[in-house]
Protein backbone atom coordinates (compact mmCIF):
# COMPACT_ATOMS: atom_id res chain seq x y z
CA GLN A 1 45.78 129.47 105.46
CA VAL A 2 42.96 129.10 102.26
CA ARG A 3 44.20 129.16 99.07
CA LEU A 4 41.64 130.46 96.49
CA GLU A 5 42.44 130.02 92.45
CA GLU A 6 39.78 131.75 90.00
CA SER A 7 39.33 130.31 86.50
CA GLY A 8 37.14 130.92 83.27
CA GLY A 9 38.00 134.53 82.27
CA ALA A 10 38.20 134.76 78.64
CA LEU A 11 37.50 137.09 75.72
CA VAL A 12 33.53 137.24 75.29
CA GLN A 13 31.25 139.36 73.14
CA PRO A 14 28.92 141.57 74.30
CA GLY A 15 25.38 140.04 75.07
CA GLY A 16 27.47 136.58 75.50
CA SER A 17 27.88 135.20 78.56
CA LEU A 18 30.66 133.40 80.66
CA ARG A 19 31.03 131.81 84.12
CA LEU A 20 33.90 131.72 85.84
CA SER A 21 34.78 129.38 88.74
CA CYS A 22 36.51 129.97 92.08
CA ALA A 23 38.06 126.74 93.58
CA VAL A 24 38.73 126.79 97.46
CA SER A 25 41.28 124.90 99.59
CA GLY A 26 42.96 125.07 102.65
CA ASN A 27 41.17 125.49 106.60
CA ILE A 28 38.19 126.81 105.12
CA CYS A 29 35.61 127.55 108.54
CA ARG A 30 32.05 126.75 108.30
CA ASN A 31 31.32 130.52 108.73
CA ASN A 32 32.44 132.29 105.94
CA VAL A 33 31.65 134.88 103.04
CA ILE A 34 33.26 134.57 99.47
CA GLY A 35 32.53 136.62 96.59
CA TRP A 36 34.01 137.97 93.41
CA PHE A 37 35.83 140.95 93.20
CA ARG A 38 36.85 143.10 89.97
CA GLN A 39 39.43 145.87 89.01
CA ALA A 40 39.48 147.32 85.70
CA PRO A 41 42.59 149.90 84.58
CA GLY A 42 42.95 152.16 86.41
CA LYS A 43 40.22 152.08 88.82
CA GLU A 44 39.78 150.48 92.50
CA ARG A 45 38.96 147.36 93.16
CA GLU A 46 35.14 146.76 93.49
CA LEU A 47 32.37 144.16 94.79
CA VAL A 48 30.48 141.80 91.92
CA ALA A 49 28.45 139.64 94.18
CA SER A 50 29.19 137.76 97.47
CA ILE A 51 27.49 134.61 99.48
CA THR A 52 27.56 133.94 103.04
CA SER A 53 28.28 130.42 104.22
CA ASP A 54 24.24 130.14 105.03
CA SER A 55 23.65 131.54 101.28
CA SER A 56 22.91 134.84 101.37
CA THR A 57 23.76 136.72 98.38
CA ASN A 58 24.53 140.10 97.57
CA TYR A 59 25.43 141.91 94.16
CA ALA A 60 26.88 145.19 92.79
CA ASP A 61 23.81 147.27 91.63
CA SER A 62 25.67 147.20 88.12
CA VAL A 63 25.27 143.50 87.72
CA THR A 64 22.07 142.46 89.72
CA SER A 65 20.03 141.58 86.59
CA ARG A 66 23.22 139.86 84.79
CA CYS A 67 24.85 137.68 87.52
CA THR A 68 24.14 134.93 89.70
CA ILE A 69 26.78 133.62 92.17
CA SER A 70 26.44 130.61 93.76
CA LYS A 71 28.69 127.73 95.33
CA ASP A 72 29.16 124.28 95.54
CA ASN A 73 29.94 123.26 99.16
CA ALA A 74 30.59 119.54 98.14
CA LYS A 75 33.63 120.83 96.24
CA ASN A 76 34.47 123.73 98.00
CA MET A 77 33.69 125.97 94.60
CA MET A 78 32.43 128.92 93.91
CA TYR A 79 31.02 130.31 90.68
CA LEU A 80 29.95 133.74 88.90
CA GLN A 81 27.54 133.37 85.93
CA MET A 82 27.67 136.16 84.03
CA ASN A 83 25.00 136.83 81.20
CA ASP A 84 24.95 139.72 78.66
CA PRO A 85 28.33 141.13 79.51
CA LYS A 86 28.90 144.67 78.69
CA PRO A 87 32.41 146.15 77.69
CA GLU A 88 32.40 148.17 81.40
CA ASP A 89 32.68 144.18 83.14
CA ALA A 90 36.25 144.35 81.41
CA ALA A 91 38.47 143.19 84.10
CA VAL A 92 40.67 141.21 86.23
CA TYR A 93 38.52 139.15 88.57
CA TYR A 94 39.49 138.11 92.17
CA CYS A 95 37.68 135.50 94.37
CA ARG A 96 38.11 136.14 98.07
CA TYR A 97 37.03 134.90 101.03
CA GLU A 98 36.52 136.10 104.42
CA ARG A 99 36.37 134.32 107.65
CA ARG A 100 33.32 135.96 109.44
CA ALA A 101 34.23 134.44 112.74
CA TRP A 102 37.25 135.42 114.79
CA PRO A 103 39.90 136.13 113.31
CA HIS A 104 38.35 137.61 110.77
CA LEU A 105 40.85 136.86 107.99
CA ALA A 106 40.30 137.30 104.78
CA TYR A 107 42.13 135.52 101.59
CA TRP A 108 41.92 136.27 97.93
CA GLY A 109 43.24 134.49 94.99
CA LYS A 110 45.90 135.83 91.54
CA GLY A 111 42.66 136.80 89.52
CA THR A 112 41.57 135.71 85.90
CA GLN A 113 41.14 138.30 83.16
CA VAL A 114 38.10 138.65 81.19
CA THR A 115 37.54 140.97 78.14
CA VAL A 116 34.57 141.91 76.59
CA SER A 117 34.93 143.27 73.11
CA GLY A 118 33.48 142.04 69.45
């Protein structure tokens, strides 16, 4: 079992910045991929960014120049730095962990709300 807890969601003004955090705990596999997804009202959940255990990163085209995903293995933390947020970035942001080795189990956090307005 792996538990994920997001934090850092807030009301942010366009052009500002925001850092989301995800605390990962439990039976963590060394070979994994963790990432951020988001879901806006009426829309499907979509990938924002992901990072593998060997630090390979992947970004959605819509955020690639504005977001940075990172992790601190010693603290079992993952972060998403978002710069210049836009109204279309408003959503609930979820942390997801997936084992890359068998069994390929995946876990989700409960989400944190990001609102972009101002």
